[in-house]
Each structure stands twice: as C-alpha cells, then as structure tokens.
PDB file of all heavy atoms in Angstrom:
ATOM      1  N   VAL A   1    -128.342 125.341 -50.928  1.00  0.00           N
ATOM      2  CA  VAL A   1    -127.725 125.937 -52.115  1.00  0.00           C
ATOM      3  C   VAL A   1    -126.305 126.416 -51.822  1.00  0.00           C
ATOM      4  O   VAL A   1    -125.436 126.426 -52.706  1.00  0.00           O
ATOM      5  CB  VAL A   1    -128.601 127.091 -52.664  1.00  0.00           C
ATOM      6  CG1 VAL A   1    -128.658 128.251 -51.686  1.00  0.00           C
ATOM      7  CG2 VAL A   1    -128.098 127.556 -54.026  1.00  0.00           C
ATOM      8  N   LYS A   2    -126.038 126.762 -50.575  1.00  0.00           N
ATOM      9  CA  LYS A   2    -124.685 127.213 -50.202  1.00  0.00           C
ATOM     10  C   LYS A   2    -123.650 126.104 -50.333  1.00  0.00           C
ATOM     11  O   LYS A   2    -122.430 126.374 -50.332  1.00  0.00           O
ATOM     12  CB  LYS A   2    -124.686 127.751 -48.769  1.00  0.00           C
ATOM     13  CG  LYS A   2    -125.035 126.744 -47.701  1.00  0.00           C
ATOM     14  CD  LYS A   2    -125.036 127.375 -46.325  1.00  0.00           C
ATOM     15  CE  LYS A   2    -125.396 126.382 -45.217  1.00  0.00           C
ATOM     16  NZ  LYS A   2    -126.808 125.934 -45.323  1.00  0.00           N
ATOM     17  N   ASN A   3    -124.118 124.865 -50.475  1.00  0.00           N
ATOM     18  CA  ASN A   3    -123.202 123.732 -50.589  1.00  0.00           C
ATOM     19  C   ASN A   3    -122.927 123.323 -52.040  1.00  0.00           C
ATOM     20  O   ASN A   3    -122.289 122.300 -52.279  1.00  0.00           O
ATOM     21  CB  ASN A   3    -123.782 122.525 -49.838  1.00  0.00           C
ATOM     22  CG  ASN A   3    -123.958 122.806 -48.362  1.00  0.00           C
ATOM     23  OD1 ASN A   3    -123.123 123.482 -47.749  1.00  0.00           O
ATOM     24  ND2 ASN A   3    -125.043 122.304 -47.771  1.00  0.00           N
ATOM     25  N   LEU A   4    -123.416 124.104 -53.007  1.00  0.00           N
ATOM     26  CA  LEU A   4    -123.155 123.773 -54.410  1.00  0.00           C
ATOM     27  C   LEU A   4    -121.652 123.763 -54.683  1.00  0.00           C
ATOM     28  O   LEU A   4    -120.907 124.631 -54.223  1.00  0.00           O
ATOM     29  CB  LEU A   4    -123.829 124.786 -55.327  1.00  0.00           C
ATOM     30  CG  LEU A   4    -125.324 124.611 -55.589  1.00  0.00           C
ATOM     31  CD1 LEU A   4    -125.836 125.748 -56.467  1.00  0.00           C
ATOM     32  CD2 LEU A   4    -125.613 123.267 -56.253  1.00  0.00           C
ATOM     33  N   LYS A   5    -121.228 122.770 -55.488  1.00  0.00           N
ATOM     34  CA  LYS A   5    -119.830 122.636 -55.889  1.00  0.00           C
ATOM     35  C   LYS A   5    -119.750 122.458 -57.398  1.00  0.00           C
ATOM     36  O   LYS A   5    -120.702 122.008 -58.042  1.00  0.00           O
ATOM     37  CB  LYS A   5    -119.182 121.418 -55.205  1.00  0.00           C
ATOM     38  CG  LYS A   5    -119.255 121.419 -53.687  1.00  0.00           C
ATOM     39  CD  LYS A   5    -118.435 122.556 -53.081  1.00  0.00           C
ATOM     40  CE  LYS A   5    -118.480 122.493 -51.551  1.00  0.00           C
ATOM     41  NZ  LYS A   5    -117.788 123.652 -50.942  1.00  0.00           N
ATOM     42  N   LEU A   6    -118.590 122.795 -57.925  1.00  0.00           N
ATOM     43  CA  LEU A   6    -118.359 122.557 -59.349  1.00  0.00           C
ATOM     44  C   LEU A   6    -118.385 121.061 -59.605  1.00  0.00           C
ATOM     45  O   LEU A   6    -117.596 120.308 -59.020  1.00  0.00           O
ATOM     46  CB  LEU A   6    -117.011 123.149 -59.764  1.00  0.00           C
ATOM     47  CG  LEU A   6    -116.647 123.039 -61.249  1.00  0.00           C
ATOM     48  CD1 LEU A   6    -117.580 123.882 -62.111  1.00  0.00           C
ATOM     49  CD2 LEU A   6    -115.196 123.470 -61.470  1.00  0.00           C
ATOM     50  N   ALA A   7    -119.315 120.629 -60.466  1.00  0.00           N
ATOM     51  CA  ALA A   7    -119.441 119.197 -60.767  1.00  0.00           C
ATOM     52  C   ALA A   7    -118.570 118.797 -61.943  1.00  0.00           C
ATOM     53  O   ALA A   7    -117.965 117.726 -61.945  1.00  0.00           O
ATOM     54  CB  ALA A   7    -120.906 118.850 -61.055  1.00  0.00           C
ATOM     55  N   TRP A   8    -118.515 119.630 -62.965  1.00  0.00           N
ATOM     56  CA  TRP A   8    -117.653 119.377 -64.122  1.00  0.00           C
ATOM     57  C   TRP A   8    -117.472 120.659 -64.921  1.00  0.00           C
ATOM     58  O   TRP A   8    -118.242 121.613 -64.765  1.00  0.00           O
ATOM     59  CB  TRP A   8    -118.186 118.258 -65.019  1.00  0.00           C
ATOM     60  CG  TRP A   8    -119.588 118.420 -65.561  1.00  0.00           C
ATOM     61  CD1 TRP A   8    -120.719 117.818 -65.107  1.00  0.00           C
ATOM     62  CD2 TRP A   8    -119.999 119.212 -66.687  1.00  0.00           C
ATOM     63  NE1 TRP A   8    -121.813 118.183 -65.853  1.00  0.00           N
ATOM     64  CE2 TRP A   8    -121.404 119.031 -66.844  1.00  0.00           C
ATOM     65  CE3 TRP A   8    -119.346 120.040 -67.580  1.00  0.00           C
ATOM     66  CZ2 TRP A   8    -122.137 119.671 -67.849  1.00  0.00           C
ATOM     67  CZ3 TRP A   8    -120.068 120.681 -68.587  1.00  0.00           C
ATOM     68  CH2 TRP A   8    -121.447 120.489 -68.718  1.00  0.00           C
ATOM     69  N   SER A   9    -116.457 120.673 -65.738  1.00  0.00           N
ATOM     70  CA  SER A   9    -116.260 121.778 -66.681  1.00  0.00           C
ATOM     71  C   SER A   9    -115.826 121.196 -68.014  1.00  0.00           C
ATOM     72  O   SER A   9    -115.168 120.153 -68.076  1.00  0.00           O
ATOM     73  CB  SER A   9    -115.223 122.780 -66.163  1.00  0.00           C
ATOM     74  OG  SER A   9    -113.942 122.175 -66.091  1.00  0.00           O
ATOM     75  N   TYR A  10    -116.212 121.875 -69.067  1.00  0.00           N
ATOM     76  CA  TYR A  10    -115.892 121.427 -70.424  1.00  0.00           C
ATOM     77  C   TYR A  10    -115.254 122.591 -71.171  1.00  0.00           C
ATOM     78  O   TYR A  10    -115.802 123.703 -71.211  1.00  0.00           O
ATOM     79  CB  TYR A  10    -117.159 120.970 -71.141  1.00  0.00           C
ATOM     80  CG  TYR A  10    -117.014 120.842 -72.648  1.00  0.00           C
ATOM     81  CD1 TYR A  10    -116.313 119.783 -73.216  1.00  0.00           C
ATOM     82  CD2 TYR A  10    -117.594 121.775 -73.502  1.00  0.00           C
ATOM     83  CE1 TYR A  10    -116.178 119.669 -74.596  1.00  0.00           C
ATOM     84  CE2 TYR A  10    -117.469 121.664 -74.878  1.00  0.00           C
ATOM     85  CZ  TYR A  10    -116.760 120.617 -75.422  1.00  0.00           C
ATOM     86  OH  TYR A  10    -116.631 120.516 -76.791  1.00  0.00           O
ATOM     87  N   SER A  11    -114.096 122.362 -71.751  1.00  0.00           N
ATOM     88  CA  SER A  11    -113.418 123.372 -72.559  1.00  0.00           C
ATOM     89  C   SER A  11    -113.862 123.241 -74.009  1.00  0.00           C
ATOM     90  O   SER A  11    -113.674 122.191 -74.641  1.00  0.00           O
ATOM     91  CB  SER A  11    -111.902 123.212 -72.465  1.00  0.00           C
ATOM     92  OG  SER A  11    -111.256 124.062 -73.399  1.00  0.00           O
ATOM     93  N   THR A  12    -114.449 124.298 -74.544  1.00  0.00           N
ATOM     94  CA  THR A  12    -114.915 124.274 -75.938  1.00  0.00           C
ATOM     95  C   THR A  12    -113.772 124.406 -76.934  1.00  0.00           C
ATOM     96  O   THR A  12    -113.944 124.149 -78.117  1.00  0.00           O
ATOM     97  CB  THR A  12    -115.905 125.417 -76.196  1.00  0.00           C
ATOM     98  OG1 THR A  12    -115.204 126.671 -76.137  1.00  0.00           O
ATOM     99  CG2 THR A  12    -117.030 125.416 -75.178  1.00  0.00           C
ATOM    100  N   ARG A  13    -112.639 124.894 -76.454  1.00  0.00           N
ATOM    101  CA  ARG A  13    -111.452 125.140 -77.284  1.00  0.00           C
ATOM    102  C   ARG A  13    -111.650 126.295 -78.257  1.00  0.00           C
ATOM    103  O   ARG A  13    -110.826 126.501 -79.154  1.00  0.00           O
ATOM    104  CB  ARG A  13    -111.011 123.862 -78.016  1.00  0.00           C
ATOM    105  CG  ARG A  13    -110.842 122.677 -77.080  1.00  0.00           C
ATOM    106  CD  ARG A  13    -110.230 121.453 -77.734  1.00  0.00           C
ATOM    107  NE  ARG A  13    -111.019 120.862 -78.791  1.00  0.00           N
ATOM    108  CZ  ARG A  13    -112.087 120.094 -78.595  1.00  0.00           C
ATOM    109  NH1 ARG A  13    -112.505 119.854 -77.352  1.00  0.00           N
ATOM    110  NH2 ARG A  13    -112.737 119.559 -79.616  1.00  0.00           N
ATOM    111  N   ASP A  14    -112.716 127.060 -78.099  1.00  0.00           N
ATOM    112  CA  ASP A  14    -112.967 128.270 -78.887  1.00  0.00           C
ATOM    113  C   ASP A  14    -113.210 129.403 -77.898  1.00  0.00           C
ATOM    114  O   ASP A  14    -114.288 129.519 -77.334  1.00  0.00           O
ATOM    115  CB  ASP A  14    -114.202 128.110 -79.786  1.00  0.00           C
ATOM    116  CG  ASP A  14    -113.996 127.095 -80.893  1.00  0.00           C
ATOM    117  OD1 ASP A  14    -112.863 126.979 -81.387  1.00  0.00           O
ATOM    118  OD2 ASP A  14    -114.981 126.426 -81.264  1.00  0.00           O
ATOM    119  N   SER A  15    -112.210 130.221 -77.665  1.00  0.00           N
ATOM    120  CA  SER A  15    -112.302 131.242 -76.631  1.00  0.00           C
ATOM    121  C   SER A  15    -113.067 132.462 -77.128  1.00  0.00           C
ATOM    122  O   SER A  15    -112.879 132.921 -78.251  1.00  0.00           O
ATOM    123  CB  SER A  15    -110.895 131.663 -76.198  1.00  0.00           C
ATOM    124  OG  SER A  15    -110.941 132.620 -75.183  1.00  0.00           O
ATOM    125  N   GLY A  16    -113.936 132.992 -76.271  1.00  0.00           N
ATOM    126  CA  GLY A  16    -114.659 134.210 -76.607  1.00  0.00           C
ATOM    127  C   GLY A  16    -116.114 134.138 -76.203  1.00  0.00           C
ATOM    128  O   GLY A  16    -116.598 133.142 -75.673  1.00  0.00           O
ATOM    129  N   GLN A  17    -116.815 135.220 -76.472  1.00  0.00           N
ATOM    130  CA  GLN A  17    -118.180 135.401 -75.975  1.00  0.00           C
ATOM    131  C   GLN A  17    -119.112 134.264 -76.391  1.00  0.00           C
ATOM    132  O   GLN A  17    -119.220 133.927 -77.559  1.00  0.00           O
ATOM    133  CB  GLN A  17    -118.741 136.731 -76.490  1.00  0.00           C
ATOM    134  CG  GLN A  17    -120.097 137.050 -75.918  1.00  0.00           C
ATOM    135  CD  GLN A  17    -120.641 138.382 -76.391  1.00  0.00           C
ATOM    136  OE1 GLN A  17    -121.786 138.702 -76.115  1.00  0.00           O
ATOM    137  NE2 GLN A  17    -119.851 139.175 -77.087  1.00  0.00           N
ATOM    138  N   MET A  18    -119.796 133.689 -75.399  1.00  0.00           N
ATOM    139  CA  MET A  18    -120.844 132.700 -75.626  1.00  0.00           C
ATOM    140  C   MET A  18    -122.118 133.199 -74.956  1.00  0.00           C
ATOM    141  O   MET A  18    -122.160 133.329 -73.736  1.00  0.00           O
ATOM    142  CB  MET A  18    -120.459 131.332 -75.047  1.00  0.00           C
ATOM    143  CG  MET A  18    -119.366 130.602 -75.802  1.00  0.00           C
ATOM    144  SD  MET A  18    -119.085 128.928 -75.161  1.00  0.00           S
ATOM    145  CE  MET A  18    -118.163 129.303 -73.649  1.00  0.00           C
ATOM    146  N   GLN A  19    -123.134 133.481 -75.738  1.00  0.00           N
ATOM    147  CA  GLN A  19    -124.430 133.883 -75.196  1.00  0.00           C
ATOM    148  C   GLN A  19    -125.367 132.682 -75.097  1.00  0.00           C
ATOM    149  O   GLN A  19    -126.542 132.826 -74.795  1.00  0.00           O
ATOM    150  CB  GLN A  19    -125.044 134.963 -76.097  1.00  0.00           C
ATOM    151  CG  GLN A  19    -124.206 136.224 -76.176  1.00  0.00           C
ATOM    152  CD  GLN A  19    -124.773 137.269 -77.115  1.00  0.00           C
ATOM    153  OE1 GLN A  19    -125.793 137.045 -77.781  1.00  0.00           O
ATOM    154  NE2 GLN A  19    -124.122 138.416 -77.192  1.00  0.00           N
ATOM    155  N   MET A  20    -124.821 131.515 -75.284  1.00  0.00           N
ATOM    156  CA  MET A  20    -125.580 130.286 -75.465  1.00  0.00           C
ATOM    157  C   MET A  20    -126.233 129.779 -74.184  1.00  0.00           C
ATOM    158  O   MET A  20    -125.616 129.704 -73.131  1.00  0.00           O
ATOM    159  CB  MET A  20    -124.611 129.243 -76.037  1.00  0.00           C
ATOM    160  CG  MET A  20    -125.168 127.867 -76.230  1.00  0.00           C
ATOM    161  SD  MET A  20    -124.850 126.772 -74.807  1.00  0.00           S
ATOM    162  CE  MET A  20    -123.067 126.732 -74.778  1.00  0.00           C
ATOM    163  N   ASN A  21    -127.533 129.454 -74.308  1.00  0.00           N
ATOM    164  CA  ASN A  21    -128.265 128.764 -73.250  1.00  0.00           C
ATOM    165  C   ASN A  21    -128.332 127.291 -73.646  1.00  0.00           C
ATOM    166  O   ASN A  21    -129.024 126.944 -74.602  1.00  0.00           O
ATOM    167  CB  ASN A  21    -129.674 129.352 -73.112  1.00  0.00           C
ATOM    168  CG  ASN A  21    -130.545 128.585 -72.139  1.00  0.00           C
ATOM    169  OD1 ASN A  21    -131.614 128.106 -72.493  1.00  0.00           O
ATOM    170  ND2 ASN A  21    -130.103 128.459 -70.905  1.00  0.00           N
ATOM    171  N   PRO A  22    -127.601 126.391 -72.957  1.00  0.00           N
ATOM    172  CA  PRO A  22    -127.590 124.987 -73.373  1.00  0.00           C
ATOM    173  C   PRO A  22    -128.973 124.360 -73.225  1.00  0.00           C
ATOM    174  O   PRO A  22    -129.790 124.801 -72.411  1.00  0.00           O
ATOM    175  CB  PRO A  22    -126.597 124.330 -72.405  1.00  0.00           C
ATOM    176  CG  PRO A  22    -125.950 125.436 -71.649  1.00  0.00           C
ATOM    177  CD  PRO A  22    -126.848 126.613 -71.718  1.00  0.00           C
ATOM    178  N   ILE A  23    -129.222 123.317 -74.008  1.00  0.00           N
ATOM    179  CA  ILE A  23    -130.404 122.486 -73.780  1.00  0.00           C
ATOM    180  C   ILE A  23    -129.933 121.083 -73.440  1.00  0.00           C
ATOM    181  O   ILE A  23    -128.806 120.689 -73.778  1.00  0.00           O
ATOM    182  CB  ILE A  23    -131.364 122.479 -74.985  1.00  0.00           C
ATOM    183  CG1 ILE A  23    -130.726 121.781 -76.200  1.00  0.00           C
ATOM    184  CG2 ILE A  23    -131.812 123.888 -75.332  1.00  0.00           C
ATOM    185  CD1 ILE A  23    -131.707 121.536 -77.344  1.00  0.00           C
ATOM    186  N   VAL A  24    -130.799 120.311 -72.768  1.00  0.00           N
ATOM    187  CA  VAL A  24    -130.460 118.950 -72.355  1.00  0.00           C
ATOM    188  C   VAL A  24    -131.609 118.034 -72.745  1.00  0.00           C
ATOM    189  O   VAL A  24    -132.771 118.287 -72.398  1.00  0.00           O
ATOM    190  CB  VAL A  24    -130.205 118.863 -70.841  1.00  0.00           C
ATOM    191  CG1 VAL A  24    -129.915 117.420 -70.427  1.00  0.00           C
ATOM    192  CG2 VAL A  24    -129.049 119.778 -70.439  1.00  0.00           C
ATOM    193  N   VAL A  25    -131.273 116.974 -73.487  1.00  0.00           N
ATOM    194  CA  VAL A  25    -132.250 115.957 -73.875  1.00  0.00           C
ATOM    195  C   VAL A  25    -131.728 114.612 -73.382  1.00  0.00           C
ATOM    196  O   VAL A  25    -130.626 114.197 -73.754  1.00  0.00           O
ATOM    197  CB  VAL A  25    -132.464 115.932 -75.399  1.00  0.00           C
ATOM    198  CG1 VAL A  25    -133.492 114.871 -75.774  1.00  0.00           C
ATOM    199  CG2 VAL A  25    -132.908 117.310 -75.894  1.00  0.00           C
ATOM    200  N   ASP A  26    -132.498 113.953 -72.544  1.00  0.00           N
ATOM    201  CA  ASP A  26    -132.049 112.726 -71.885  1.00  0.00           C
ATOM    202  C   ASP A  26    -130.771 113.035 -71.103  1.00  0.00           C
ATOM    203  O   ASP A  26    -130.814 113.828 -70.180  1.00  0.00           O
ATOM    204  CB  ASP A  26    -131.868 111.603 -72.913  1.00  0.00           C
ATOM    205  CG  ASP A  26    -133.188 111.241 -73.595  1.00  0.00           C
ATOM    206  OD1 ASP A  26    -134.237 111.302 -72.920  1.00  0.00           O
ATOM    207  OD2 ASP A  26    -133.182 110.938 -74.798  1.00  0.00           O
ATOM    208  N   THR A  27    -129.649 112.470 -71.499  1.00  0.00           N
ATOM    209  CA  THR A  27    -128.404 112.744 -70.763  1.00  0.00           C
ATOM    210  C   THR A  27    -127.423 113.578 -71.578  1.00  0.00           C
ATOM    211  O   THR A  27    -126.260 113.712 -71.199  1.00  0.00           O
ATOM    212  CB  THR A  27    -127.712 111.420 -70.389  1.00  0.00           C
ATOM    213  OG1 THR A  27    -127.382 110.710 -71.603  1.00  0.00           O
ATOM    214  CG2 THR A  27    -128.596 110.561 -69.510  1.00  0.00           C
ATOM    215  N   ILE A  28    -127.875 114.164 -72.691  1.00  0.00           N
ATOM    216  CA  ILE A  28    -126.964 114.883 -73.587  1.00  0.00           C
ATOM    217  C   ILE A  28    -127.263 116.381 -73.548  1.00  0.00           C
ATOM    218  O   ILE A  28    -128.400 116.809 -73.700  1.00  0.00           O
ATOM    219  CB  ILE A  28    -127.076 114.366 -75.030  1.00  0.00           C
ATOM    220  CG1 ILE A  28    -126.789 112.862 -75.092  1.00  0.00           C
ATOM    221  CG2 ILE A  28    -126.098 115.111 -75.932  1.00  0.00           C
ATOM    222  CD1 ILE A  28    -126.937 112.264 -76.480  1.00  0.00           C
ATOM    223  N   MET A  29    -126.215 117.157 -73.346  1.00  0.00           N
ATOM    224  CA  MET A  29    -126.297 118.613 -73.419  1.00  0.00           C
ATOM    225  C   MET A  29    -125.822 119.067 -74.795  1.00  0.00           C
ATOM    226  O   MET A  29    -124.796 118.592 -75.301  1.00  0.00           O
ATOM    227  CB  MET A  29    -125.428 119.262 -72.338  1.00  0.00           C
ATOM    228  CG  MET A  29    -125.384 120.797 -72.415  1.00  0.00           C
ATOM    229  SD  MET A  29    -124.346 121.534 -71.126  1.00  0.00           S
ATOM    230  CE  MET A  29    -125.391 121.282 -69.699  1.00  0.00           C
ATOM    231  N   TYR A  30    -126.563 120.009 -75.375  1.00  0.00           N
ATOM    232  CA  TYR A  30    -126.219 120.555 -76.686  1.00  0.00           C
ATOM    233  C   TYR A  30    -126.004 122.060 -76.557  1.00  0.00           C
ATOM    234  O   TYR A  30    -126.751 122.758 -75.868  1.00  0.00           O
ATOM    235  CB  TYR A  30    -127.339 120.299 -77.690  1.00  0.00           C
ATOM    236  CG  TYR A  30    -127.665 118.839 -77.910  1.00  0.00           C
ATOM    237  CD1 TYR A  30    -128.712 118.234 -77.223  1.00  0.00           C
ATOM    238  CD2 TYR A  30    -126.925 118.067 -78.801  1.00  0.00           C
ATOM    239  CE1 TYR A  30    -129.017 116.895 -77.423  1.00  0.00           C
ATOM    240  CE2 TYR A  30    -127.221 116.730 -79.010  1.00  0.00           C
ATOM    241  CZ  TYR A  30    -128.275 116.147 -78.313  1.00  0.00           C
ATOM    242  OH  TYR A  30    -128.575 114.819 -78.517  1.00  0.00           O
ATOM    243  N   GLY A  31    -124.972 122.552 -77.248  1.00  0.00           N
ATOM    244  CA  GLY A  31    -124.698 123.983 -77.226  1.00  0.00           C
ATOM    245  C   GLY A  31    -123.876 124.405 -78.424  1.00  0.00           C
ATOM    246  O   GLY A  31    -123.620 123.611 -79.341  1.00  0.00           O
ATOM    247  N   VAL A  32    -123.440 125.653 -78.402  1.00  0.00           N
ATOM    248  CA  VAL A  32    -122.683 126.241 -79.505  1.00  0.00           C
ATOM    249  C   VAL A  32    -121.506 127.004 -78.916  1.00  0.00           C
ATOM    250  O   VAL A  32    -121.665 127.763 -77.950  1.00  0.00           O
ATOM    251  CB  VAL A  32    -123.561 127.187 -80.351  1.00  0.00           C
ATOM    252  CG1 VAL A  32    -122.780 127.715 -81.547  1.00  0.00           C
ATOM    253  CG2 VAL A  32    -124.830 126.488 -80.822  1.00  0.00           C
ATOM    254  N   THR A  33    -120.337 126.856 -79.506  1.00  0.00           N
ATOM    255  CA  THR A  33    -119.131 127.505 -79.006  1.00  0.00           C
ATOM    256  C   THR A  33    -119.031 128.939 -79.523  1.00  0.00           C
ATOM    257  O   THR A  33    -119.832 129.389 -80.343  1.00  0.00           O
ATOM    258  CB  THR A  33    -117.874 126.735 -79.432  1.00  0.00           C
ATOM    259  OG1 THR A  33    -117.632 126.972 -80.835  1.00  0.00           O
ATOM    260  CG2 THR A  33    -118.018 125.246 -79.186  1.00  0.00           C
ATOM    261  N   ALA A  34    -117.992 129.625 -79.065  1.00  0.00           N
ATOM    262  CA  ALA A  34    -117.768 131.004 -79.505  1.00  0.00           C
ATOM    263  C   ALA A  34    -117.493 131.100 -81.000  1.00  0.00           C
ATOM    264  O   ALA A  34    -117.718 132.147 -81.611  1.00  0.00           O
ATOM    265  CB  ALA A  34    -116.602 131.612 -78.723  1.00  0.00           C
ATOM    266  N   ALA A  35    -117.007 130.028 -81.606  1.00  0.00           N
ATOM    267  CA  ALA A  35    -116.742 130.004 -83.049  1.00  0.00           C
ATOM    268  C   ALA A  35    -117.881 129.346 -83.823  1.00  0.00           C
ATOM    269  O   ALA A  35    -117.709 128.956 -84.975  1.00  0.00           O
ATOM    270  CB  ALA A  35    -115.426 129.278 -83.333  1.00  0.00           C
ATOM    271  N   LEU A  36    -119.031 129.226 -83.179  1.00  0.00           N
ATOM    272  CA  LEU A  36    -120.247 128.678 -83.796  1.00  0.00           C
ATOM    273  C   LEU A  36    -120.095 127.227 -84.214  1.00  0.00           C
ATOM    274  O   LEU A  36    -120.624 126.808 -85.247  1.00  0.00           O
ATOM    275  CB  LEU A  36    -120.697 129.531 -84.991  1.00  0.00           C
ATOM    276  CG  LEU A  36    -121.031 130.988 -84.697  1.00  0.00           C
ATOM    277  CD1 LEU A  36    -121.777 131.611 -85.873  1.00  0.00           C
ATOM    278  CD2 LEU A  36    -121.852 131.141 -83.423  1.00  0.00           C
ATOM    279  N   ARG A  37    -119.403 126.433 -83.408  1.00  0.00           N
ATOM    280  CA  ARG A  37    -119.399 124.988 -83.608  1.00  0.00           C
ATOM    281  C   ARG A  37    -120.435 124.385 -82.662  1.00  0.00           C
ATOM    282  O   ARG A  37    -120.477 124.723 -81.476  1.00  0.00           O
ATOM    283  CB  ARG A  37    -118.027 124.393 -83.306  1.00  0.00           C
ATOM    284  CG  ARG A  37    -116.874 125.053 -84.046  1.00  0.00           C
ATOM    285  CD  ARG A  37    -115.578 124.320 -83.724  1.00  0.00           C
ATOM    286  NE  ARG A  37    -114.441 125.188 -83.689  1.00  0.00           N
ATOM    287  CZ  ARG A  37    -113.643 125.445 -84.727  1.00  0.00           C
ATOM    288  NH1 ARG A  37    -113.896 124.902 -85.891  1.00  0.00           N
ATOM    289  NH2 ARG A  37    -112.606 126.254 -84.597  1.00  0.00           N
ATOM    290  N   ALA A  38    -121.271 123.503 -83.185  1.00  0.00           N
ATOM    291  CA  ALA A  38    -122.238 122.807 -82.338  1.00  0.00           C
ATOM    292  C   ALA A  38    -121.529 121.671 -81.616  1.00  0.00           C
ATOM    293  O   ALA A  38    -120.697 120.972 -82.204  1.00  0.00           O
ATOM    294  CB  ALA A  38    -123.389 122.269 -83.181  1.00  0.00           C
ATOM    295  N   VAL A  39    -121.864 121.483 -80.329  1.00  0.00           N
ATOM    296  CA  VAL A  39    -121.238 120.420 -79.547  1.00  0.00           C
ATOM    297  C   VAL A  39    -122.306 119.664 -78.766  1.00  0.00           C
ATOM    298  O   VAL A  39    -123.340 120.212 -78.388  1.00  0.00           O
ATOM    299  CB  VAL A  39    -120.173 120.968 -78.572  1.00  0.00           C
ATOM    300  CG1 VAL A  39    -118.994 121.560 -79.326  1.00  0.00           C
ATOM    301  CG2 VAL A  39    -120.776 122.004 -77.621  1.00  0.00           C
ATOM    302  N   ALA A  40    -122.022 118.371 -78.541  1.00  0.00           N
ATOM    303  CA  ALA A  40    -122.837 117.533 -77.662  1.00  0.00           C
ATOM    304  C   ALA A  40    -121.922 116.975 -76.586  1.00  0.00           C
ATOM    305  O   ALA A  40    -120.848 116.436 -76.894  1.00  0.00           O
ATOM    306  CB  ALA A  40    -123.490 116.403 -78.445  1.00  0.00           C
ATOM    307  N   ILE A  41    -122.319 117.140 -75.321  1.00  0.00           N
ATOM    308  CA  ILE A  41    -121.510 116.627 -74.216  1.00  0.00           C
ATOM    309  C   ILE A  41    -122.431 115.894 -73.241  1.00  0.00           C
ATOM    310  O   ILE A  41    -123.630 116.153 -73.193  1.00  0.00           O
ATOM    311  CB  ILE A  41    -120.744 117.761 -73.495  1.00  0.00           C
ATOM    312  CG1 ILE A  41    -121.708 118.828 -72.976  1.00  0.00           C
ATOM    313  CG2 ILE A  41    -119.722 118.391 -74.404  1.00  0.00           C
ATOM    314  CD1 ILE A  41    -121.025 119.995 -72.294  1.00  0.00           C
ATOM    315  N   HIS A  42    -121.842 114.987 -72.503  1.00  0.00           N
ATOM    316  CA  HIS A  42    -122.635 114.269 -71.503  1.00  0.00           C
ATOM    317  C   HIS A  42    -122.987 115.245 -70.386  1.00  0.00           C
ATOM    318  O   HIS A  42    -122.108 115.863 -69.774  1.00  0.00           O
ATOM    319  CB  HIS A  42    -121.861 113.073 -70.949  1.00  0.00           C
ATOM    320  CG  HIS A  42    -122.706 112.158 -70.115  1.00  0.00           C
ATOM    321  ND1 HIS A  42    -123.082 112.460 -68.818  1.00  0.00           N
ATOM    322  CD2 HIS A  42    -123.277 110.955 -70.393  1.00  0.00           C
ATOM    323  CE1 HIS A  42    -123.827 111.496 -68.330  1.00  0.00           C
ATOM    324  NE2 HIS A  42    -123.971 110.558 -69.274  1.00  0.00           N
TER     325      HIS A  42
END
C-alpha cells in the first residue's frame, strides 16, 4: 500500500464541497459535482 500512486485526476470544473461517494458500473464511474451536475467518467 505504501507504493500507491496517483493514477488519474478529473476536474469537475465546479469548485466546492463534494460529499459524493462515486459508484462504478463496468468501466464507468458516476458522481455529482459541487454544483449538482451528474457526470460519467472512465
């Protein structure tokens, strides 16, 4: 676990508090931004 590295980062373009726990179905991650926009990312 000490060898973990940042694999990727995604900018939501909506800055501010996110309490969101993402979910993943197949290869798609789904979440919600600070401005309550739903997003799907690989």
